[in-house]
């Protein structure tokens, strides 16, 4: 399942992302989604992102 969000970014950031998306041959929305997924994975690997079960010392995952 996917969810939609809305974000506001500076004009210059939008322009740069659009150029990047054009170079990659993808849409700006798909590039932004990819970058968000990638940064979440990095945060998880670096231990910056904790989930409730992890902070309580419970290593079991909820269904």
PDB file of N, CA and C in Angstrom:
ATOM      1  N   UNK A   1       0.840  -1.166   0.000  1.00  0.00           N
ATOM      2  CA  UNK A   1       0.000   0.000   0.000  1.00  0.00           C
ATOM      3  C   UNK A   1       0.892   1.238   0.000  1.00  0.00           C
ATOM      4  N   UNK A   2       0.457   2.261  -0.652  1.00  0.00           N
ATOM      5  CA  UNK A   2       1.207   3.509  -0.681  1.00  0.00           C
ATOM      6  C   UNK A   2       0.364   4.619  -0.076  1.00  0.00           C
ATOM      7  N   UNK A   3       1.041   5.621   0.445  1.00  0.00           N
ATOM      8  CA  UNK A   3       0.396   6.798   1.029  1.00  0.00           C
ATOM      9  C   UNK A   3       0.899   8.036   0.301  1.00  0.00           C
ATOM     10  N   UNK A   4       0.085   9.058   0.288  1.00  0.00           N
ATOM     11  CA  UNK A   4       0.468  10.329  -0.320  1.00  0.00           C
ATOM     12  C   UNK A   4       0.743  11.344   0.771  1.00  0.00           C
ATOM     13  N   UNK A   5       1.746  12.180   0.535  1.00  0.00           N
ATOM     14  CA  UNK A   5       2.029  13.298   1.432  1.00  0.00           C
ATOM     15  C   UNK A   5       2.251  14.531   0.579  1.00  0.00           C
ATOM     16  N   UNK A   6       2.156  15.662   1.201  1.00  0.00           N
ATOM     17  CA  UNK A   6       2.419  16.920   0.515  1.00  0.00           C
ATOM     18  C   UNK A   6       3.527  17.637   1.271  1.00  0.00           C
ATOM     19  N   UNK A   7       4.511  18.120   0.541  1.00  0.00           N
ATOM     20  CA  UNK A   7       5.612  18.852   1.162  1.00  0.00           C
ATOM     21  C   UNK A   7       5.836  20.155   0.404  1.00  0.00           C
ATOM     22  N   UNK A   8       6.370  21.121   1.112  1.00  0.00           N
ATOM     23  CA  UNK A   8       6.741  22.394   0.496  1.00  0.00           C
ATOM     24  C   UNK A   8       8.253  22.491   0.497  1.00  0.00           C
ATOM     25  N   UNK A   9       8.803  22.827  -0.657  1.00  0.00           N
ATOM     26  CA  UNK A   9      10.254  22.972  -0.779  1.00  0.00           C
ATOM     27  C   UNK A   9      10.559  24.294  -1.480  1.00  0.00           C
ATOM     28  N   UNK A  10      11.749  24.825  -1.237  1.00  0.00           N
ATOM     29  CA  UNK A  10      12.128  26.072  -1.917  1.00  0.00           C
ATOM     30  C   UNK A  10      12.166  25.900  -3.440  1.00  0.00           C
ATOM     31  N   UNK A  11      11.922  26.989  -4.139  1.00  0.00           N
ATOM     32  CA  UNK A  11      11.923  26.960  -5.608  1.00  0.00           C
ATOM     33  C   UNK A  11      13.215  26.373  -6.172  1.00  0.00           C
ATOM     34  N   UNK A  12      14.351  26.794  -5.629  1.00  0.00           N
ATOM     35  CA  UNK A  12      15.626  26.319  -6.150  1.00  0.00           C
ATOM     36  C   UNK A  12      15.782  24.811  -5.962  1.00  0.00           C
ATOM     37  N   UNK A  13      15.351  24.307  -4.819  1.00  0.00           N
ATOM     38  CA  UNK A  13      15.400  22.857  -4.582  1.00  0.00           C
ATOM     39  C   UNK A  13      14.510  22.137  -5.575  1.00  0.00           C
ATOM     40  N   UNK A  14      13.343  22.665  -5.843  1.00  0.00           N
ATOM     41  CA  UNK A  14      12.425  22.069  -6.822  1.00  0.00           C
ATOM     42  C   UNK A  14      13.067  22.026  -8.202  1.00  0.00           C
ATOM     43  N   UNK A  15      13.682  23.129  -8.591  1.00  0.00           N
ATOM     44  CA  UNK A  15      14.332  23.190  -9.906  1.00  0.00           C
ATOM     45  C   UNK A  15      15.443  22.141 -10.013  1.00  0.00           C
ATOM     46  N   UNK A  16      16.251  22.028  -8.965  1.00  0.00           N
ATOM     47  CA  UNK A  16      17.354  21.064  -8.981  1.00  0.00           C
ATOM     48  C   UNK A  16      16.833  19.629  -9.027  1.00  0.00           C
ATOM     49  N   UNK A  17      15.784  19.356  -8.238  1.00  0.00           N
ATOM     50  CA  UNK A  17      15.203  18.013  -8.260  1.00  0.00           C
ATOM     51  C   UNK A  17      14.599  17.693  -9.623  1.00  0.00           C
ATOM     52  N   UNK A  18      13.962  18.686 -10.240  1.00  0.00           N
ATOM     53  CA  UNK A  18      13.376  18.455 -11.559  1.00  0.00           C
ATOM     54  C   UNK A  18      14.448  18.146 -12.594  1.00  0.00           C
ATOM     55  N   UNK A  19      15.554  18.855 -12.537  1.00  0.00           N
ATOM     56  CA  UNK A  19      16.673  18.582 -13.448  1.00  0.00           C
ATOM     57  C   UNK A  19      17.188  17.168 -13.221  1.00  0.00           C
ATOM     58  N   UNK A  20      17.352  16.793 -11.955  1.00  0.00           N
ATOM     59  CA  UNK A  20      17.822  15.441 -11.613  1.00  0.00           C
ATOM     60  C   UNK A  20      16.844  14.389 -12.135  1.00  0.00           C
ATOM     61  N   UNK A  21      15.557  14.618 -11.923  1.00  0.00           N
ATOM     62  CA  UNK A  21      14.544  13.666 -12.401  1.00  0.00           C
ATOM     63  C   UNK A  21      14.605  13.546 -13.926  1.00  0.00           C
ATOM     64  N   UNK A  22      14.766  14.669 -14.608  1.00  0.00           N
ATOM     65  CA  UNK A  22      14.870  14.649 -16.074  1.00  0.00           C
ATOM     66  C   UNK A  22      16.082  13.837 -16.518  1.00  0.00           C
ATOM     67  N   UNK A  23      17.208  14.021 -15.837  1.00  0.00           N
ATOM     68  CA  UNK A  23      18.423  13.275 -16.172  1.00  0.00           C
ATOM     69  C   UNK A  23      18.195  11.779 -15.975  1.00  0.00           C
ATOM     70  N   UNK A  24      17.492  11.427 -14.900  1.00  0.00           N
ATOM     71  CA  UNK A  24      17.227  10.015 -14.587  1.00  0.00           C
ATOM     72  C   UNK A  24      16.097   9.428 -15.427  1.00  0.00           C
ATOM     73  N   UNK A  25      15.371  10.288 -16.132  1.00  0.00           N
ATOM     74  CA  UNK A  25      14.259   9.813 -16.952  1.00  0.00           C
ATOM     75  C   UNK A  25      13.070   9.367 -16.118  1.00  0.00           C
ATOM     76  N   UNK A  26      12.831  10.054 -15.012  1.00  0.00           N
ATOM     77  CA  UNK A  26      11.720   9.706 -14.137  1.00  0.00           C
ATOM     78  C   UNK A  26      10.961  10.966 -13.748  1.00  0.00           C
ATOM     79  N   UNK A  27       9.870  10.789 -13.062  1.00  0.00           N
ATOM     80  CA  UNK A  27       9.111  11.959 -12.620  1.00  0.00           C
ATOM     81  C   UNK A  27       9.711  12.524 -11.340  1.00  0.00           C
ATOM     82  N   UNK A  28       9.405  13.760 -11.081  1.00  0.00           N
ATOM     83  CA  UNK A  28       9.862  14.402  -9.853  1.00  0.00           C
ATOM     84  C   UNK A  28       9.299  13.668  -8.633  1.00  0.00           C
ATOM     85  N   UNK A  29       8.038  13.274  -8.689  1.00  0.00           N
ATOM     86  CA  UNK A  29       7.417  12.556  -7.568  1.00  0.00           C
ATOM     87  C   UNK A  29       8.107  11.218  -7.317  1.00  0.00           C
ATOM     88  N   UNK A  30       8.431  10.480  -8.372  1.00  0.00           N
ATOM     89  CA  UNK A  30       9.111   9.191  -8.197  1.00  0.00           C
ATOM     90  C   UNK A  30      10.521   9.378  -7.638  1.00  0.00           C
ATOM     91  N   UNK A  31      11.215  10.414  -8.098  1.00  0.00           N
ATOM     92  CA  UNK A  31      12.553  10.680  -7.561  1.00  0.00           C
ATOM     93  C   UNK A  31      12.470  11.034  -6.077  1.00  0.00           C
ATOM     94  N   UNK A  32      11.519  11.889  -5.715  1.00  0.00           N
ATOM     95  CA  UNK A  32      11.364  12.283  -4.316  1.00  0.00           C
ATOM     96  C   UNK A  32      11.025  11.077  -3.447  1.00  0.00           C
ATOM     97  N   UNK A  33      10.149  10.212  -3.917  1.00  0.00           N
ATOM     98  CA  UNK A  33       9.793   9.011  -3.163  1.00  0.00           C
ATOM     99  C   UNK A  33      11.008   8.110  -2.974  1.00  0.00           C
ATOM    100  N   UNK A  34      11.801   7.942  -4.027  1.00  0.00           N
ATOM    101  CA  UNK A  34      13.026   7.137  -3.940  1.00  0.00           C
ATOM    102  C   UNK A  34      13.985   7.725  -2.907  1.00  0.00           C
ATOM    103  N   UNK A  35      14.188   9.040  -2.947  1.00  0.00           N
ATOM    104  CA  UNK A  35      15.117   9.680  -2.018  1.00  0.00           C
ATOM    105  C   UNK A  35      14.650   9.534  -0.572  1.00  0.00           C
ATOM    106  N   UNK A  36      13.358   9.650  -0.344  1.00  0.00           N
ATOM    107  CA  UNK A  36      12.831   9.461   1.008  1.00  0.00           C
ATOM    108  C   UNK A  36      13.027   8.026   1.486  1.00  0.00           C
ATOM    109  N   UNK A  37      12.716   7.048   0.621  1.00  0.00           N
ATOM    110  CA  UNK A  37      12.924   5.632   0.994  1.00  0.00           C
ATOM    111  C   UNK A  37      14.386   5.380   1.314  1.00  0.00           C
ATOM    112  N   UNK A  38      15.275   5.903   0.485  1.00  0.00           N
ATOM    113  CA  UNK A  38      16.712   5.696   0.684  1.00  0.00           C
ATOM    114  C   UNK A  38      17.174   6.281   2.013  1.00  0.00           C
ATOM    115  N   UNK A  39      16.718   7.482   2.332  1.00  0.00           N
ATOM    116  CA  UNK A  39      17.150   8.113   3.573  1.00  0.00           C
ATOM    117  C   UNK A  39      16.573   7.425   4.801  1.00  0.00           C
ATOM    118  N   UNK A  40      15.380   6.859   4.701  1.00  0.00           N
ATOM    119  CA  UNK A  40      14.826   6.080   5.814  1.00  0.00           C
ATOM    120  C   UNK A  40      15.694   4.842   6.042  1.00  0.00           C
ATOM    121  N   UNK A  41      16.084   4.168   4.971  1.00  0.00           N
ATOM    122  CA  UNK A  41      16.956   2.985   5.101  1.00  0.00           C
ATOM    123  C   UNK A  41      18.294   3.358   5.735  1.00  0.00           C
ATOM    124  N   UNK A  42      18.870   4.482   5.330  1.00  0.00           N
ATOM    125  CA  UNK A  42      20.139   4.936   5.906  1.00  0.00           C
ATOM    126  C   UNK A  42      19.957   5.232   7.395  1.00  0.00           C
ATOM    127  N   UNK A  43      18.883   5.921   7.746  1.00  0.00           N
ATOM    128  CA  UNK A  43      18.624   6.245   9.152  1.00  0.00           C
ATOM    129  C   UNK A  43      18.470   4.973   9.986  1.00  0.00           C
ATOM    130  N   UNK A  44      17.818   3.973   9.429  1.00  0.00           N
ATOM    131  CA  UNK A  44      17.676   2.694  10.141  1.00  0.00           C
ATOM    132  C   UNK A  44      19.039   2.049  10.369  1.00  0.00           C
ATOM    133  N   UNK A  45      19.850   1.994   9.312  1.00  0.00           N
ATOM    134  CA  UNK A  45      21.173   1.368   9.418  1.00  0.00           C
ATOM    135  C   UNK A  45      22.079   2.100  10.397  1.00  0.00           C
ATOM    136  N   UNK A  46      21.939   3.418  10.471  1.00  0.00           N
ATOM    137  CA  UNK A  46      22.778   4.220  11.361  1.00  0.00           C
ATOM    138  C   UNK A  46      22.223   4.288  12.779  1.00  0.00           C
ATOM    139  N   UNK A  47      21.082   3.647  13.013  1.00  0.00           N
ATOM    140  CA  UNK A  47      20.484   3.642  14.343  1.00  0.00           C
ATOM    141  C   UNK A  47      19.794   4.935  14.718  1.00  0.00           C
ATOM    142  N   UNK A  48      19.532   5.779  13.747  1.00  0.00           N
ATOM    143  CA  UNK A  48      18.872   7.057  14.022  1.00  0.00           C
ATOM    144  C   UNK A  48      17.351   6.907  14.116  1.00  0.00           C
ATOM    145  N   UNK A  49      16.843   5.813  13.592  1.00  0.00           N
ATOM    146  CA  UNK A  49      15.408   5.593  13.566  1.00  0.00           C
ATOM    147  C   UNK A  49      15.086   4.414  14.460  1.00  0.00           C
ATOM    148  N   UNK A  50      14.357   4.686  15.521  1.00  0.00           N
ATOM    149  CA  UNK A  50      13.988   3.653  16.481  1.00  0.00           C
ATOM    150  C   UNK A  50      12.478   3.446  16.427  1.00  0.00           C
ATOM    151  N   UNK A  51      12.079   2.215  16.583  1.00  0.00           N
ATOM    152  CA  UNK A  51      10.666   1.873  16.603  1.00  0.00           C
ATOM    153  C   UNK A  51      10.253   1.582  18.033  1.00  0.00           C
ATOM    154  N   UNK A  52       8.972   1.743  18.363  1.00  0.00           N
ATOM    155  CA  UNK A  52       8.522   1.561  19.751  1.00  0.00           C
ATOM    156  C   UNK A  52       8.988   0.250  20.391  1.00  0.00           C
ATOM    157  N   UNK A  53       8.910  -0.857  19.684  1.00  0.00           N
ATOM    158  CA  UNK A  53       9.334  -2.144  20.240  1.00  0.00           C
ATOM    159  C   UNK A  53      10.824  -2.146  20.559  1.00  0.00           C
ATOM    160  N   UNK A  54      11.616  -1.431  19.781  1.00  0.00           N
ATOM    161  CA  UNK A  54      13.063  -1.401  19.995  1.00  0.00           C
ATOM    162  C   UNK A  54      13.428  -0.561  21.212  1.00  0.00           C
ATOM    163  N   UNK A  55      12.699   0.509  21.453  1.00  0.00           N
ATOM    164  CA  UNK A  55      13.038   1.388  22.570  1.00  0.00           C
ATOM    165  C   UNK A  55      12.630   0.797  23.904  1.00  0.00           C
ATOM    166  N   UNK A  56      11.686  -0.156  23.895  1.00  0.00           N
ATOM    167  CA  UNK A  56      11.254  -0.798  25.137  1.00  0.00           C
ATOM    168  C   UNK A  56      12.051  -2.054  25.442  1.00  0.00           C
ATOM    169  N   UNK A  57      13.042  -2.338  24.619  1.00  0.00           N
ATOM    170  CA  UNK A  57      13.863  -3.518  24.840  1.00  0.00           C
ATOM    171  C   UNK A  57      13.209  -4.797  24.357  1.00  0.00           C
ATOM    172  N   UNK A  58      12.127  -4.685  23.642  1.00  0.00           N
ATOM    173  CA  UNK A  58      11.409  -5.846  23.110  1.00  0.00           C
ATOM    174  C   UNK A  58      11.796  -6.010  21.654  1.00  0.00           C
ATOM    175  N   UNK A  59      12.446  -7.093  21.318  1.00  0.00           N
ATOM    176  CA  UNK A  59      12.924  -7.281  19.943  1.00  0.00           C
ATOM    177  C   UNK A  59      11.877  -7.948  19.060  1.00  0.00           C
ATOM    178  N   UNK A  60      10.737  -8.355  19.630  1.00  0.00           N
ATOM    179  CA  UNK A  60       9.701  -8.981  18.816  1.00  0.00           C
ATOM    180  C   UNK A  60       8.986  -7.929  18.012  1.00  0.00           C
ATOM    181  N   UNK A  61       8.620  -8.285  16.793  1.00  0.00           N
ATOM    182  CA  UNK A  61       7.887  -7.345  15.965  1.00  0.00           C
ATOM    183  C   UNK A  61       6.400  -7.651  16.080  1.00  0.00           C
ATOM    184  N   UNK A  62       5.597  -6.617  15.977  1.00  0.00           N
ATOM    185  CA  UNK A  62       4.149  -6.784  16.036  1.00  0.00           C
ATOM    186  C   UNK A  62       3.643  -7.220  14.676  1.00  0.00           C
ATOM    187  N   UNK A  63       2.566  -8.012  14.662  1.00  0.00           N
ATOM    188  CA  UNK A  63       1.987  -8.460  13.368  1.00  0.00           C
ATOM    189  C   UNK A  63       1.446  -7.336  12.556  1.00  0.00           C
TER     190      UNK A  63
END
